[in-house]
Amino acid sequence: MPTYEYACADCGHQFEQFQAFSEEPILTCPECKGELRKVYSNVGVVFKGTGFYKNDSRPAATSSGE
């Protein structure tokens, strides 16, 4: 289940909430009942294995100095 970060536009309260994709977003701050907004941040992605780099898909270099 994804974790979403929310921030209140009125009081600045920030918190994280576990929510299913099908759930409606939280709209009111639990502290002051002000307007909430979702905070989006960068997600780190690591690709492991073969085929993700340019040098994985081209043939091996041969030396021409024979």
N, C-alpha and C. Protein backbone atom coordinates (compact mmCIF):
# COMPACT_ATOMS: atom_id res chain seq x y z
N MET A 1 0.85 -1.17 0.00
CA MET A 1 0.00 0.00 0.00
C MET A 1 0.90 1.24 0.00
N PRO A 2 0.64 2.19 -0.88
CA PRO A 2 1.49 3.38 -0.98
C PRO A 2 1.37 4.31 0.23
N THR A 3 2.45 5.01 0.48
CA THR A 3 2.49 6.02 1.53
C THR A 3 2.46 7.39 0.87
N TYR A 4 1.54 8.23 1.28
CA TYR A 4 1.42 9.58 0.75
C TYR A 4 1.79 10.58 1.84
N GLU A 5 2.44 11.66 1.42
CA GLU A 5 2.78 12.73 2.35
C GLU A 5 1.83 13.90 2.10
N TYR A 6 1.30 14.44 3.19
CA TYR A 6 0.37 15.57 3.11
C TYR A 6 0.95 16.75 3.88
N ALA A 7 0.60 17.96 3.46
CA ALA A 7 0.98 19.18 4.16
C ALA A 7 -0.22 20.12 4.19
N CYS A 8 -0.43 20.76 5.32
CA CYS A 8 -1.53 21.70 5.47
C CYS A 8 -1.11 23.07 4.95
N ALA A 9 -1.96 23.67 4.15
CA ALA A 9 -1.67 24.99 3.59
C ALA A 9 -1.85 26.09 4.64
N ASP A 10 -2.63 25.80 5.69
CA ASP A 10 -2.91 26.82 6.71
C ASP A 10 -1.90 26.81 7.85
N CYS A 11 -1.73 25.64 8.50
CA CYS A 11 -0.88 25.60 9.70
C CYS A 11 0.50 24.98 9.45
N GLY A 12 0.71 24.37 8.27
CA GLY A 12 2.01 23.80 7.94
C GLY A 12 2.24 22.40 8.49
N HIS A 13 1.23 21.80 9.13
CA HIS A 13 1.35 20.44 9.67
C HIS A 13 1.61 19.46 8.54
N GLN A 14 2.62 18.57 8.70
CA GLN A 14 2.94 17.57 7.69
C GLN A 14 2.85 16.19 8.31
N PHE A 15 2.35 15.22 7.53
CA PHE A 15 2.26 13.84 8.01
C PHE A 15 2.20 12.90 6.82
N GLU A 16 2.48 11.61 7.10
CA GLU A 16 2.39 10.57 6.08
C GLU A 16 1.19 9.69 6.37
N GLN A 17 0.59 9.16 5.32
CA GLN A 17 -0.61 8.33 5.47
C GLN A 17 -0.55 7.16 4.49
N PHE A 18 -0.76 5.93 4.98
CA PHE A 18 -0.89 4.77 4.12
C PHE A 18 -2.29 4.78 3.53
N GLN A 19 -2.39 4.71 2.20
CA GLN A 19 -3.69 4.71 1.54
C GLN A 19 -3.65 3.82 0.30
N ALA A 20 -4.74 3.11 0.06
CA ALA A 20 -4.87 2.33 -1.17
C ALA A 20 -5.09 3.28 -2.34
N PHE A 21 -4.79 2.80 -3.55
CA PHE A 21 -5.01 3.63 -4.73
C PHE A 21 -6.47 4.01 -4.89
N SER A 22 -7.36 3.15 -4.44
CA SER A 22 -8.79 3.38 -4.62
C SER A 22 -9.39 4.34 -3.60
N GLU A 23 -8.65 4.66 -2.53
CA GLU A 23 -9.15 5.58 -1.50
C GLU A 23 -9.10 7.03 -1.98
N GLU A 24 -10.06 7.80 -1.51
CA GLU A 24 -10.08 9.24 -1.81
C GLU A 24 -8.98 9.93 -1.01
N PRO A 25 -8.36 10.99 -1.55
CA PRO A 25 -7.34 11.72 -0.79
C PRO A 25 -7.95 12.45 0.40
N ILE A 26 -7.13 12.67 1.42
CA ILE A 26 -7.56 13.40 2.61
C ILE A 26 -7.57 14.88 2.25
N LEU A 27 -8.64 15.57 2.59
CA LEU A 27 -8.79 16.97 2.18
C LEU A 27 -8.67 17.97 3.31
N THR A 28 -8.88 17.54 4.58
CA THR A 28 -8.82 18.48 5.70
C THR A 28 -7.76 18.06 6.70
N CYS A 29 -7.08 19.04 7.24
CA CYS A 29 -6.01 18.83 8.20
C CYS A 29 -6.58 18.30 9.52
N PRO A 30 -5.99 17.25 10.09
CA PRO A 30 -6.47 16.75 11.38
C PRO A 30 -6.17 17.69 12.55
N GLU A 31 -5.25 18.62 12.37
CA GLU A 31 -4.87 19.55 13.44
C GLU A 31 -5.77 20.79 13.47
N CYS A 32 -5.92 21.45 12.31
CA CYS A 32 -6.63 22.74 12.29
C CYS A 32 -7.84 22.76 11.37
N LYS A 33 -8.13 21.65 10.71
CA LYS A 33 -9.24 21.52 9.75
C LYS A 33 -9.04 22.40 8.52
N GLY A 34 -7.78 22.78 8.25
CA GLY A 34 -7.47 23.58 7.06
C GLY A 34 -7.35 22.70 5.83
N GLU A 35 -6.98 23.31 4.72
CA GLU A 35 -6.88 22.61 3.44
C GLU A 35 -5.55 21.86 3.33
N LEU A 36 -5.61 20.57 2.97
CA LEU A 36 -4.41 19.76 2.78
C LEU A 36 -4.06 19.67 1.32
N ARG A 37 -2.79 19.42 1.05
CA ARG A 37 -2.34 19.12 -0.30
C ARG A 37 -1.33 17.98 -0.22
N LYS A 38 -1.27 17.17 -1.26
CA LYS A 38 -0.30 16.09 -1.32
C LYS A 38 1.06 16.68 -1.65
N VAL A 39 2.10 16.14 -1.05
CA VAL A 39 3.47 16.56 -1.31
C VAL A 39 4.12 15.47 -2.15
N TYR A 40 4.61 15.83 -3.31
CA TYR A 40 5.26 14.88 -4.20
C TYR A 40 6.76 15.09 -4.14
N SER A 41 7.50 13.99 -4.10
CA SER A 41 8.95 14.08 -4.07
C SER A 41 9.54 13.06 -5.03
N ASN A 42 10.82 13.14 -5.25
CA ASN A 42 11.50 12.22 -6.16
C ASN A 42 11.51 10.81 -5.58
N VAL A 43 11.42 9.85 -6.47
CA VAL A 43 11.45 8.45 -6.07
C VAL A 43 12.73 7.84 -6.62
N GLY A 44 13.47 7.17 -5.77
CA GLY A 44 14.69 6.53 -6.21
C GLY A 44 14.39 5.19 -6.86
N VAL A 45 14.91 4.98 -8.06
CA VAL A 45 14.71 3.73 -8.78
C VAL A 45 16.07 3.18 -9.14
N VAL A 46 16.28 1.89 -8.88
CA VAL A 46 17.53 1.23 -9.22
C VAL A 46 17.21 0.08 -10.16
N PHE A 47 17.82 0.08 -11.34
CA PHE A 47 17.65 -1.00 -12.29
C PHE A 47 18.84 -1.93 -12.16
N LYS A 48 18.57 -3.20 -11.86
CA LYS A 48 19.64 -4.19 -11.72
C LYS A 48 19.48 -5.25 -12.78
N GLY A 49 20.60 -5.83 -13.20
CA GLY A 49 20.56 -6.87 -14.22
C GLY A 49 21.14 -6.38 -15.53
N THR A 50 21.04 -7.22 -16.54
CA THR A 50 21.59 -6.85 -17.85
C THR A 50 20.52 -6.18 -18.69
N GLY A 51 20.97 -5.43 -19.68
CA GLY A 51 20.06 -4.80 -20.63
C GLY A 51 19.66 -3.38 -20.29
N PHE A 52 20.18 -2.82 -19.20
CA PHE A 52 19.78 -1.48 -18.81
C PHE A 52 20.80 -0.42 -19.22
N TYR A 53 21.95 -0.85 -19.71
CA TYR A 53 23.00 0.11 -20.07
C TYR A 53 23.31 -0.01 -21.54
N LYS A 54 23.83 1.05 -22.15
CA LYS A 54 24.15 1.07 -23.56
C LYS A 54 25.17 -0.01 -23.92
N ASN A 55 26.12 -0.26 -23.05
CA ASN A 55 27.17 -1.23 -23.37
C ASN A 55 26.70 -2.68 -23.18
N ASP A 56 25.50 -2.93 -22.65
CA ASP A 56 25.00 -4.28 -22.51
C ASP A 56 24.42 -4.81 -23.81
N SER A 57 24.01 -3.95 -24.72
CA SER A 57 23.31 -4.41 -25.91
C SER A 57 24.17 -4.38 -27.19
N ARG A 58 25.37 -3.85 -27.12
CA ARG A 58 26.19 -3.83 -28.33
C ARG A 58 27.25 -4.94 -28.27
N PRO A 59 27.74 -5.36 -29.41
CA PRO A 59 28.73 -6.43 -29.41
C PRO A 59 30.05 -5.98 -28.78
N ALA A 60 30.78 -6.94 -28.30
CA ALA A 60 32.07 -6.64 -27.67
C ALA A 60 33.02 -6.02 -28.68
N ALA A 61 33.84 -5.08 -28.26
CA ALA A 61 34.79 -4.41 -29.13
C ALA A 61 35.93 -5.36 -29.45
N THR A 62 36.37 -5.32 -30.70
CA THR A 62 37.53 -6.15 -31.11
C THR A 62 38.69 -5.23 -31.42
N SER A 63 39.88 -5.72 -31.20
CA SER A 63 41.05 -4.89 -31.49
C SER A 63 41.43 -5.07 -32.97
N SER A 64 41.79 -3.98 -33.61
CA SER A 64 42.13 -4.02 -35.04
C SER A 64 43.65 -3.95 -35.25
N GLY A 65 44.43 -4.09 -34.20
CA GLY A 65 45.87 -3.97 -34.32
C GLY A 65 46.56 -5.31 -34.49
N GLU A 66 46.03 -6.23 -35.29
CA GLU A 66 46.64 -7.55 -35.46
C GLU A 66 47.62 -7.59 -36.56
